[in-house]
Amino acid sequence: MTRKQRYQFVIDYFKQHAPDAETELLYDNPYQLLVAVILSAQCTDKRVNLTTPAIFHRYPTAQALAKADFDSLFPLIRSISYPNNKTRHLIGMARMLVEDFNGEIPMTVDQLVKLPGVGRKTANVITSVVDQQPNMAVDTHVFRVAGRIGLTLKATTPLAAEKQLIQHFPKELIHKAHHWLILHGRYVCVARKPKCAICGIRPACKYYQAHPLPEA
């Protein structure tokens, strides 16, 4: 199977089996999504979704969050990983939004990465989810799954993987392919022991070719 054929197989599979794939973070507007994505770094979406309602209730806008202090916000996110850093990031992010962007979430990667707590991955998530821009956020799931299947070759960094995936996925599908790979990595192609027995991508997967299931 050529690389082009491998990509086409993956696209066809997910179009059929996950046509409406989307983020599992719960949000109502770009501000809420930005807060949730910042909190989700090295933390499960499930935990974030349990935490954000109280934050959004007390700080419903960037303007409100910009007025928060550490001692007020920290108790709301103490169950999240790295709560000290994330508390500071959220307050700094909100203040910069108010001071530099009139409280609105910018929709370019270059502007987003200026915000505290926002790296390239987070910026790619925001622009692809909110605006369906052809940006590919490469988290640990995407990096692992793309490499195992063979969608990326010798990609040793998330940026290298991002560049390969953007090059080979059709532009109009990139924002959705991000969710396809994340969800597949979260529920099927898991880190320690991939669930190859229930995986529909086996015929196109390089990992499975090298590690086939034993015959019954």
C-alpha atoms as a PDB file:
ATOM      1  CA  MET A   1       0.000   0.000   0.000  1.00  0.00           C
ATOM      2  CA  THR A   2       1.368   3.388  -0.971  1.00  0.00           C
ATOM      3  CA  ARG A   3       1.267   6.330   1.390  1.00  0.00           C
ATOM      4  CA  LYS A   4      -1.404   7.963  -0.733  1.00  0.00           C
ATOM      5  CA  GLN A   5      -3.514   4.807  -0.573  1.00  0.00           C
ATOM      6  CA  ARG A   6      -2.996   4.642   3.199  1.00  0.00           C
ATOM      7  CA  TYR A   7      -4.303   8.182   3.653  1.00  0.00           C
ATOM      8  CA  GLN A   8      -7.267   7.465   1.416  1.00  0.00           C
ATOM      9  CA  PHE A   9      -8.128   4.325   3.379  1.00  0.00           C
ATOM     10  CA  VAL A  10      -8.024   6.271   6.649  1.00  0.00           C
ATOM     11  CA  ILE A  11     -10.152   9.085   5.210  1.00  0.00           C
ATOM     12  CA  ASP A  12     -12.738   6.685   3.805  1.00  0.00           C
ATOM     13  CA  TYR A  13     -12.907   4.760   7.077  1.00  0.00           C
ATOM     14  CA  PHE A  14     -13.454   7.777   9.281  1.00  0.00           C
ATOM     15  CA  LYS A  15     -15.882   9.426   6.886  1.00  0.00           C
ATOM     16  CA  GLN A  16     -18.028   6.346   7.278  1.00  0.00           C
ATOM     17  CA  HIS A  17     -17.504   5.607  10.971  1.00  0.00           C
ATOM     18  CA  ALA A  18     -16.900   9.054  12.508  1.00  0.00           C
ATOM     19  CA  PRO A  19     -18.397  11.638  10.145  1.00  0.00           C
ATOM     20  CA  ASP A  20     -19.262  14.041  12.964  1.00  0.00           C
ATOM     21  CA  ALA A  21     -16.094  13.767  15.050  1.00  0.00           C
ATOM     22  CA  GLU A  22     -15.542  16.803  17.256  1.00  0.00           C
ATOM     23  CA  THR A  23     -13.834  17.868  20.455  1.00  0.00           C
ATOM     24  CA  GLU A  24     -15.057  16.273  23.682  1.00  0.00           C
ATOM     25  CA  LEU A  25     -14.442  19.486  25.604  1.00  0.00           C
ATOM     26  CA  LEU A  26     -17.688  21.221  26.544  1.00  0.00           C
ATOM     27  CA  TYR A  27     -17.968  24.906  25.654  1.00  0.00           C
ATOM     28  CA  ASP A  28     -20.441  27.501  24.404  1.00  0.00           C
ATOM     29  CA  ASN A  29     -18.165  30.109  22.815  1.00  0.00           C
ATOM     30  CA  PRO A  30     -14.524  30.690  21.792  1.00  0.00           C
ATOM     31  CA  TYR A  31     -13.608  32.129  25.201  1.00  0.00           C
ATOM     32  CA  GLN A  32     -14.834  29.008  26.979  1.00  0.00           C
ATOM     33  CA  LEU A  33     -13.039  26.757  24.507  1.00  0.00           C
ATOM     34  CA  LEU A  34      -9.774  28.631  25.015  1.00  0.00           C
ATOM     35  CA  VAL A  35     -10.028  28.258  28.788  1.00  0.00           C
ATOM     36  CA  ALA A  36     -10.848  24.548  28.431  1.00  0.00           C
ATOM     37  CA  VAL A  37      -7.983  23.840  26.035  1.00  0.00           C
ATOM     38  CA  ILE A  38      -5.471  25.603  28.269  1.00  0.00           C
ATOM     39  CA  LEU A  39      -6.679  23.490  31.189  1.00  0.00           C
ATOM     40  CA  SER A  40      -6.600  20.284  29.135  1.00  0.00           C
ATOM     41  CA  ALA A  41      -2.817  20.226  28.753  1.00  0.00           C
ATOM     42  CA  GLN A  42      -1.668  16.912  30.273  1.00  0.00           C
ATOM     43  CA  CYS A  43      -5.144  16.445  31.737  1.00  0.00           C
ATOM     44  CA  THR A  44      -8.180  14.471  30.587  1.00  0.00           C
ATOM     45  CA  ASP A  45     -11.092  16.168  28.872  1.00  0.00           C
ATOM     46  CA  LYS A  46     -13.377  14.468  31.376  1.00  0.00           C
ATOM     47  CA  ARG A  47     -11.658  16.160  34.298  1.00  0.00           C
ATOM     48  CA  VAL A  48     -11.680  19.507  32.501  1.00  0.00           C
ATOM     49  CA  ASN A  49     -15.404  19.212  31.805  1.00  0.00           C
ATOM     50  CA  LEU A  50     -16.033  18.612  35.508  1.00  0.00           C
ATOM     51  CA  THR A  51     -14.053  21.731  36.368  1.00  0.00           C
ATOM     52  CA  THR A  52     -15.031  24.386  33.842  1.00  0.00           C
ATOM     53  CA  PRO A  53     -18.705  24.961  34.792  1.00  0.00           C
ATOM     54  CA  ALA A  54     -17.727  26.640  38.063  1.00  0.00           C
ATOM     55  CA  ILE A  55     -15.122  28.758  36.264  1.00  0.00           C
ATOM     56  CA  PHE A  56     -17.556  29.861  33.572  1.00  0.00           C
ATOM     57  CA  HIS A  57     -20.198  30.654  36.180  1.00  0.00           C
ATOM     58  CA  ARG A  58     -17.915  32.921  38.171  1.00  0.00           C
ATOM     59  CA  TYR A  59     -15.965  34.273  35.188  1.00  0.00           C
ATOM     60  CA  PRO A  60     -18.329  34.222  32.192  1.00  0.00           C
ATOM     61  CA  THR A  61     -16.187  36.494  30.008  1.00  0.00           C
ATOM     62  CA  ALA A  62     -12.546  37.352  29.428  1.00  0.00           C
ATOM     63  CA  GLN A  63     -13.229  40.708  31.049  1.00  0.00           C
ATOM     64  CA  ALA A  64     -14.432  38.985  34.220  1.00  0.00           C
ATOM     65  CA  LEU A  65     -11.509  36.563  34.278  1.00  0.00           C
ATOM     66  CA  ALA A  66      -9.062  39.436  33.785  1.00  0.00           C
ATOM     67  CA  LYS A  67     -10.181  40.812  37.141  1.00  0.00           C
ATOM     68  CA  ALA A  68      -9.595  37.522  38.968  1.00  0.00           C
ATOM     69  CA  ASP A  69      -6.763  37.051  41.412  1.00  0.00           C
ATOM     70  CA  PHE A  70      -4.799  33.888  42.068  1.00  0.00           C
ATOM     71  CA  ASP A  71      -6.445  33.061  45.385  1.00  0.00           C
ATOM     72  CA  SER A  72      -9.939  33.318  43.882  1.00  0.00           C
ATOM     73  CA  LEU A  73      -9.309  31.243  40.769  1.00  0.00           C
ATOM     74  CA  PHE A  74      -6.955  28.575  42.124  1.00  0.00           C
ATOM     75  CA  PRO A  75      -9.557  26.719  44.252  1.00  0.00           C
ATOM     76  CA  LEU A  76     -11.696  26.222  41.135  1.00  0.00           C
ATOM     77  CA  ILE A  77      -8.957  24.402  39.220  1.00  0.00           C
ATOM     78  CA  ARG A  78      -6.929  22.762  41.971  1.00  0.00           C
ATOM     79  CA  SER A  79      -8.048  19.302  40.759  1.00  0.00           C
ATOM     80  CA  ILE A  80      -6.507  19.968  37.338  1.00  0.00           C
ATOM     81  CA  SER A  81      -2.888  19.037  36.595  1.00  0.00           C
ATOM     82  CA  TYR A  82      -0.410  21.877  37.197  1.00  0.00           C
ATOM     83  CA  PRO A  83      -2.995  24.151  38.820  1.00  0.00           C
ATOM     84  CA  ASN A  84      -0.500  26.821  39.905  1.00  0.00           C
ATOM     85  CA  ASN A  85       0.818  27.438  36.406  1.00  0.00           C
ATOM     86  CA  LYS A  86      -2.601  27.190  34.800  1.00  0.00           C
ATOM     87  CA  THR A  87      -4.121  29.652  37.264  1.00  0.00           C
ATOM     88  CA  ARG A  88      -1.462  32.193  36.338  1.00  0.00           C
ATOM     89  CA  HIS A  89      -1.824  31.419  32.638  1.00  0.00           C
ATOM     90  CA  LEU A  90      -5.592  31.894  32.630  1.00  0.00           C
ATOM     91  CA  ILE A  91      -5.418  35.237  34.418  1.00  0.00           C
ATOM     92  CA  GLY A  92      -2.574  36.433  32.192  1.00  0.00           C
ATOM     93  CA  MET A  93      -4.371  35.219  29.074  1.00  0.00           C
ATOM     94  CA  ALA A  94      -7.558  37.068  30.000  1.00  0.00           C
ATOM     95  CA  ARG A  95      -5.730  40.281  30.805  1.00  0.00           C
ATOM     96  CA  MET A  96      -3.893  40.228  27.493  1.00  0.00           C
ATOM     97  CA  LEU A  97      -7.156  39.543  25.652  1.00  0.00           C
ATOM     98  CA  VAL A  98      -8.701  42.619  27.265  1.00  0.00           C
ATOM     99  CA  GLU A  99      -5.667  44.863  26.852  1.00  0.00           C
ATOM    100  CA  ASP A 100      -4.526  43.835  23.371  1.00  0.00           C
ATOM    101  CA  PHE A 101      -7.539  42.259  21.667  1.00  0.00           C
ATOM    102  CA  ASN A 102     -10.534  44.127  23.097  1.00  0.00           C
ATOM    103  CA  GLY A 103     -11.628  40.959  24.899  1.00  0.00           C
ATOM    104  CA  GLU A 104     -12.051  39.002  21.659  1.00  0.00           C
ATOM    105  CA  ILE A 105     -10.317  35.709  20.866  1.00  0.00           C
ATOM    106  CA  PRO A 106      -7.920  36.244  17.932  1.00  0.00           C
ATOM    107  CA  MET A 107      -8.229  33.750  15.118  1.00  0.00           C
ATOM    108  CA  THR A 108      -4.677  33.429  13.869  1.00  0.00           C
ATOM    109  CA  VAL A 109      -2.049  31.092  15.254  1.00  0.00           C
ATOM    110  CA  ASP A 110       0.543  33.884  15.375  1.00  0.00           C
ATOM    111  CA  GLN A 111      -1.689  36.055  17.567  1.00  0.00           C
ATOM    112  CA  LEU A 112      -2.921  33.237  19.776  1.00  0.00           C
ATOM    113  CA  VAL A 113       0.544  32.012  20.733  1.00  0.00           C
ATOM    114  CA  LYS A 114       1.267  35.434  22.242  1.00  0.00           C
ATOM    115  CA  LEU A 115      -1.241  34.649  24.994  1.00  0.00           C
ATOM    116  CA  PRO A 116       0.042  33.118  28.258  1.00  0.00           C
ATOM    117  CA  GLY A 117      -0.553  29.388  28.356  1.00  0.00           C
ATOM    118  CA  VAL A 118      -1.150  29.137  24.621  1.00  0.00           C
ATOM    119  CA  GLY A 119       1.333  27.156  22.545  1.00  0.00           C
ATOM    120  CA  ARG A 120       1.126  26.104  18.930  1.00  0.00           C
ATOM    121  CA  LYS A 121      -0.990  23.038  19.696  1.00  0.00           C
ATOM    122  CA  THR A 122      -3.597  25.071  21.586  1.00  0.00           C
ATOM    123  CA  ALA A 123      -3.645  27.740  18.879  1.00  0.00           C
ATOM    124  CA  ASN A 124      -4.194  25.084  16.227  1.00  0.00           C
ATOM    125  CA  VAL A 125      -7.086  23.635  18.225  1.00  0.00           C
ATOM    126  CA  ILE A 126      -8.803  27.001  18.606  1.00  0.00           C
ATOM    127  CA  THR A 127      -8.485  28.027  14.958  1.00  0.00           C
ATOM    128  CA  SER A 128      -9.487  24.628  13.596  1.00  0.00           C
ATOM    129  CA  VAL A 129     -12.434  24.051  15.931  1.00  0.00           C
ATOM    130  CA  VAL A 130     -13.878  27.571  15.961  1.00  0.00           C
ATOM    131  CA  ASP A 131     -13.026  28.660  12.432  1.00  0.00           C
ATOM    132  CA  GLN A 132     -12.391  25.316  10.672  1.00  0.00           C
ATOM    133  CA  GLN A 133      -9.000  26.563   9.540  1.00  0.00           C
ATOM    134  CA  PRO A 134      -6.743  23.850   8.046  1.00  0.00           C
ATOM    135  CA  ASN A 135      -4.543  23.621  11.138  1.00  0.00           C
ATOM    136  CA  MET A 136      -3.519  20.333  12.702  1.00  0.00           C
ATOM    137  CA  ALA A 137      -3.015  20.201  16.458  1.00  0.00           C
ATOM    138  CA  VAL A 138      -0.623  17.375  17.259  1.00  0.00           C
ATOM    139  CA  ASP A 139      -1.024  16.093  20.807  1.00  0.00           C
ATOM    140  CA  THR A 140       0.288  12.813  22.160  1.00  0.00           C
ATOM    141  CA  HIS A 141      -2.620  10.871  20.639  1.00  0.00           C
ATOM    142  CA  VAL A 142      -2.231  12.339  17.152  1.00  0.00           C
ATOM    143  CA  PHE A 143       1.545  11.922  17.257  1.00  0.00           C
ATOM    144  CA  ARG A 144       1.292   8.274  18.324  1.00  0.00           C
ATOM    145  CA  VAL A 145      -1.539   7.228  16.021  1.00  0.00           C
ATOM    146  CA  ALA A 146      -0.159   8.949  12.919  1.00  0.00           C
ATOM    147  CA  GLY A 147       3.201   7.309  13.455  1.00  0.00           C
ATOM    148  CA  ARG A 148       1.791   3.858  14.112  1.00  0.00           C
ATOM    149  CA  ILE A 149      -0.479   3.860  11.090  1.00  0.00           C
ATOM    150  CA  GLY A 150       2.256   5.224   8.868  1.00  0.00           C
ATOM    151  CA  LEU A 151       0.684   8.568   8.055  1.00  0.00           C
ATOM    152  CA  THR A 152       3.878  10.184   9.286  1.00  0.00           C
ATOM    153  CA  LEU A 153       7.351   8.876   8.545  1.00  0.00           C
ATOM    154  CA  LYS A 154      10.361   9.551  10.780  1.00  0.00           C
ATOM    155  CA  ALA A 155       8.577  12.484  12.401  1.00  0.00           C
ATOM    156  CA  THR A 156      10.470  12.965  15.656  1.00  0.00           C
ATOM    157  CA  THR A 157       8.648  16.100  16.839  1.00  0.00           C
ATOM    158  CA  PRO A 158       5.016  17.256  16.909  1.00  0.00           C
ATOM    159  CA  LEU A 159       5.854  20.028  14.431  1.00  0.00           C
ATOM    160  CA  ALA A 160       7.352  17.543  11.986  1.00  0.00           C
ATOM    161  CA  ALA A 161       4.242  15.368  12.297  1.00  0.00           C
ATOM    162  CA  GLU A 162       2.000  18.410  11.836  1.00  0.00           C
ATOM    163  CA  LYS A 163       3.754  19.379   8.602  1.00  0.00           C
ATOM    164  CA  GLN A 164       3.419  15.881   7.148  1.00  0.00           C
ATOM    165  CA  LEU A 165      -0.239  15.524   8.083  1.00  0.00           C
ATOM    166  CA  ILE A 166      -1.138  18.924   6.631  1.00  0.00           C
ATOM    167  CA  GLN A 167       0.687  18.022   3.440  1.00  0.00           C
ATOM    168  CA  HIS A 168      -1.198  14.769   2.883  1.00  0.00           C
ATOM    169  CA  PHE A 169      -4.706  15.331   4.225  1.00  0.00           C
ATOM    170  CA  PRO A 170      -6.995  17.323   1.899  1.00  0.00           C
ATOM    171  CA  LYS A 171      -7.174  20.911   3.121  1.00  0.00           C
ATOM    172  CA  GLU A 172     -10.914  20.797   3.710  1.00  0.00           C
ATOM    173  CA  LEU A 173     -10.571  17.729   5.984  1.00  0.00           C
ATOM    174  CA  ILE A 174      -7.652  18.794   8.170  1.00  0.00           C
ATOM    175  CA  HIS A 175      -9.799  20.304  10.923  1.00  0.00           C
ATOM    176  CA  LYS A 176     -11.802  17.074  11.137  1.00  0.00           C
ATOM    177  CA  ALA A 177      -8.826  14.723  10.743  1.00  0.00           C
ATOM    178  CA  HIS A 178      -7.423  16.188  13.941  1.00  0.00           C
ATOM    179  CA  HIS A 179     -10.433  14.816  15.856  1.00  0.00           C
ATOM    180  CA  TRP A 180     -10.389  11.517  13.987  1.00  0.00           C
ATOM    181  CA  LEU A 181      -6.845  10.797  15.121  1.00  0.00           C
ATOM    182  CA  ILE A 182      -7.310  12.064  18.678  1.00  0.00           C
ATOM    183  CA  LEU A 183     -10.430   9.998  19.313  1.00  0.00           C
ATOM    184  CA  HIS A 184      -8.929   6.925  17.675  1.00  0.00           C
ATOM    185  CA  GLY A 185      -5.913   7.262  19.949  1.00  0.00           C
ATOM    186  CA  ARG A 186      -8.057   7.842  23.007  1.00  0.00           C
ATOM    187  CA  TYR A 187     -10.334   4.832  22.573  1.00  0.00           C
ATOM    188  CA  VAL A 188      -8.745   2.335  20.150  1.00  0.00           C
ATOM    189  CA  CYS A 189      -5.074   2.951  19.395  1.00  0.00           C
ATOM    190  CA  VAL A 190      -4.230   3.475  23.063  1.00  0.00           C
ATOM    191  CA  ALA A 191      -0.682   3.976  24.234  1.00  0.00           C
ATOM    192  CA  ARG A 192       0.291   0.816  26.059  1.00  0.00           C
ATOM    193  CA  LYS A 193      -1.704  -1.865  24.284  1.00  0.00           C
ATOM    194  CA  PRO A 194      -3.551  -0.813  21.133  1.00  0.00           C
ATOM    195  CA  LYS A 195      -6.892  -2.532  20.642  1.00  0.00           C
ATOM    196  CA  CYS A 196      -6.066  -3.931  17.228  1.00  0.00           C
ATOM    197  CA  ALA A 197      -8.805  -6.568  17.476  1.00  0.00           C
ATOM    198  CA  ILE A 198     -11.504  -3.890  17.151  1.00  0.00           C
ATOM    199  CA  CYS A 199      -9.624  -1.517  14.847  1.00  0.00           C
ATOM    200  CA  GLY A 200     -11.025  -0.995  11.370  1.00  0.00           C
ATOM    201  CA  ILE A 201      -7.805   0.585  10.126  1.00  0.00           C
ATOM    202  CA  ARG A 202      -5.787  -2.626  10.433  1.00  0.00           C
ATOM    203  CA  PRO A 203      -5.539  -3.200   6.656  1.00  0.00           C
ATOM    204  CA  ALA A 204      -3.708   0.123   6.269  1.00  0.00           C
ATOM    205  CA  CYS A 205      -1.732   0.138   9.514  1.00  0.00           C
ATOM    206  CA  LYS A 206       2.024  -0.344   9.519  1.00  0.00           C
ATOM    207  CA  TYR A 207       2.038  -1.153  13.230  1.00  0.00           C
ATOM    208  CA  TYR A 208      -0.453  -3.965  12.712  1.00  0.00           C
ATOM    209  CA  GLN A 209       1.534  -5.331   9.786  1.00  0.00           C
ATOM    210  CA  ALA A 210       4.495  -5.675  12.142  1.00  0.00           C
ATOM    211  CA  HIS A 211       2.398  -6.868  15.118  1.00  0.00           C
ATOM    212  CA  PRO A 212      -0.495  -8.942  13.729  1.00  0.00           C
ATOM    213  CA  LEU A 213      -2.954 -10.626  16.023  1.00  0.00           C
ATOM    214  CA  PRO A 214      -2.245 -14.326  16.612  1.00  0.00           C
ATOM    215  CA  GLU A 215      -4.409 -16.635  14.557  1.00  0.00           C
ATOM    216  CA  ALA A 216      -7.255 -18.293  16.435  1.00  0.00           C
END
